[in-house]
Protein backbone atom coordinates (compact mmCIF):
# COMPACT_ATOMS: atom_id res chain seq x y z
CA MET A 1 0.00 0.00 0.00
CA TYR A 2 1.23 3.49 -0.89
CA VAL A 3 0.22 6.77 0.70
CA GLY A 4 0.67 10.12 -0.97
CA ALA A 5 0.29 13.62 0.40
CA LEU A 6 0.23 16.90 -1.50
CA GLU A 7 0.39 20.41 -0.03
CA LEU A 8 -0.68 23.25 -2.30
CA ASP A 9 0.07 26.82 -1.25
CA ILE A 10 -2.26 29.17 -3.10
CA LEU A 11 -2.81 32.90 -3.38
CA LEU A 12 -6.39 33.98 -3.89
CA GLY A 13 -7.25 36.83 -6.21
CA ASP A 14 -9.93 39.41 -5.42
CA VAL A 15 -10.80 38.22 -1.90
CA HIS A 16 -11.26 40.70 0.94
CA SER A 17 -12.50 38.61 3.86
CA LEU A 18 -12.33 35.15 5.36
CA LYS A 19 -15.97 34.65 4.40
CA GLN A 20 -15.16 35.33 0.73
CA LYS A 21 -12.17 33.02 1.01
CA ARG A 22 -14.36 30.16 2.25
CA SER A 23 -16.82 30.76 -0.60
CA VAL A 24 -13.96 30.32 -3.10
CA ILE A 25 -12.12 27.43 -1.41
CA LYS A 26 -15.07 25.27 -0.36
CA PRO A 27 -16.35 24.44 -3.89
CA VAL A 28 -12.82 23.68 -5.09
CA LEU A 29 -12.26 21.25 -2.22
CA ALA A 30 -15.58 19.55 -2.97
CA GLU A 31 -14.73 19.23 -6.66
CA VAL A 32 -11.25 17.79 -5.97
CA ARG A 33 -12.80 15.28 -3.53
CA ARG A 34 -15.51 14.27 -6.01
CA ARG A 35 -13.38 14.19 -9.15
CA PHE A 36 -10.30 12.38 -7.80
CA ASP A 37 -11.70 10.37 -4.84
CA VAL A 38 -9.15 11.77 -2.38
CA SER A 39 -9.19 13.31 1.06
CA VAL A 40 -8.76 17.07 0.84
CA ALA A 41 -8.96 19.96 3.29
CA GLU A 42 -7.80 23.48 3.93
CA ALA A 43 -4.83 22.60 6.10
CA GLY A 44 -3.22 25.93 6.88
CA GLN A 45 -3.24 29.70 6.49
CA GLN A 46 -6.83 29.77 7.81
CA ASP A 47 -6.34 33.18 9.40
CA LEU A 48 -5.20 34.87 6.16
CA HIS A 49 -7.88 35.88 3.68
CA ARG A 50 -5.72 35.77 0.52
CA ARG A 51 -3.64 32.65 1.22
CA ALA A 52 -4.61 29.02 1.69
CA LEU A 53 -2.80 25.74 2.17
CA ILE A 54 -4.71 22.83 0.68
CA GLY A 55 -3.80 19.31 1.75
CA VAL A 56 -4.59 16.26 -0.38
CA ALA A 57 -4.10 12.64 0.66
CA VAL A 58 -4.53 9.43 -1.31
CA VAL A 59 -3.98 5.73 -0.64
CA ALA A 60 -3.52 3.23 -3.48
CA ALA A 61 -2.02 -0.14 -4.30
CA THR A 62 0.81 1.30 -6.44
CA GLY A 63 3.07 4.29 -6.20
CA VAL A 64 2.45 5.07 -9.87
CA HIS A 65 -1.27 5.44 -9.23
CA VAL A 66 -0.64 7.69 -6.21
CA ARG A 67 1.64 9.94 -8.28
CA ASP A 68 -0.86 10.09 -11.14
CA VAL A 69 -3.69 11.10 -8.82
CA LEU A 70 -1.59 13.76 -7.07
CA ASP A 71 -0.41 15.11 -10.44
CA SER A 72 -4.03 15.37 -11.59
CA CYS A 73 -5.06 17.16 -8.38
CA GLU A 74 -2.19 19.62 -8.73
CA ARG A 75 -3.03 20.35 -12.39
CA PHE A 76 -6.70 20.86 -11.53
CA VAL A 77 -5.95 23.35 -8.75
CA ALA A 78 -3.24 25.12 -10.79
CA GLY A 79 -5.73 25.57 -13.63
CA ARG A 80 -8.31 27.41 -11.54
CA PRO A 81 -8.58 31.06 -12.61
CA GLU A 82 -9.59 32.40 -9.18
CA PHE A 83 -6.20 31.82 -7.60
CA GLU A 84 -2.49 31.29 -8.25
CA LEU A 85 -0.57 28.18 -7.20
CA LEU A 86 2.53 29.40 -5.36
CA SER A 87 4.08 26.03 -4.51
CA ALA A 88 3.37 22.32 -4.36
CA HIS A 89 5.07 19.80 -2.09
CA ARG A 90 4.42 16.09 -2.09
CA ARG A 91 5.36 13.03 -0.08
CA LEU A 92 5.05 9.39 -1.02
CA LEU A 93 5.28 6.56 1.50
CA GLY A 94 5.56 2.96 0.38
CA PRO A 95 5.50 -0.42 2.09
CA ASP A 96 9.19 -0.12 3.01
CA ASP A 97 8.86 3.23 4.82
């Protein structure tokens, strides 16, 4: 079994409050969860209205599948017009870790 984690640091565009931030982030999290069958949450920067840290986790039988899913999640988030992807960090744990 392989476990993958992805952290996406994003900068939101025209957002002026935490309430607006939630209204932008929440549908994206729901779509990532639905589309890629992963666990996803806002995992940091909750007190800043223009920044967010999105965490994605996936478990699969092969490391290749984990990488493919995380790549797809990263591309999906990076392609959203309402924010800019600042950085992406990933971890992959396999049966030997």
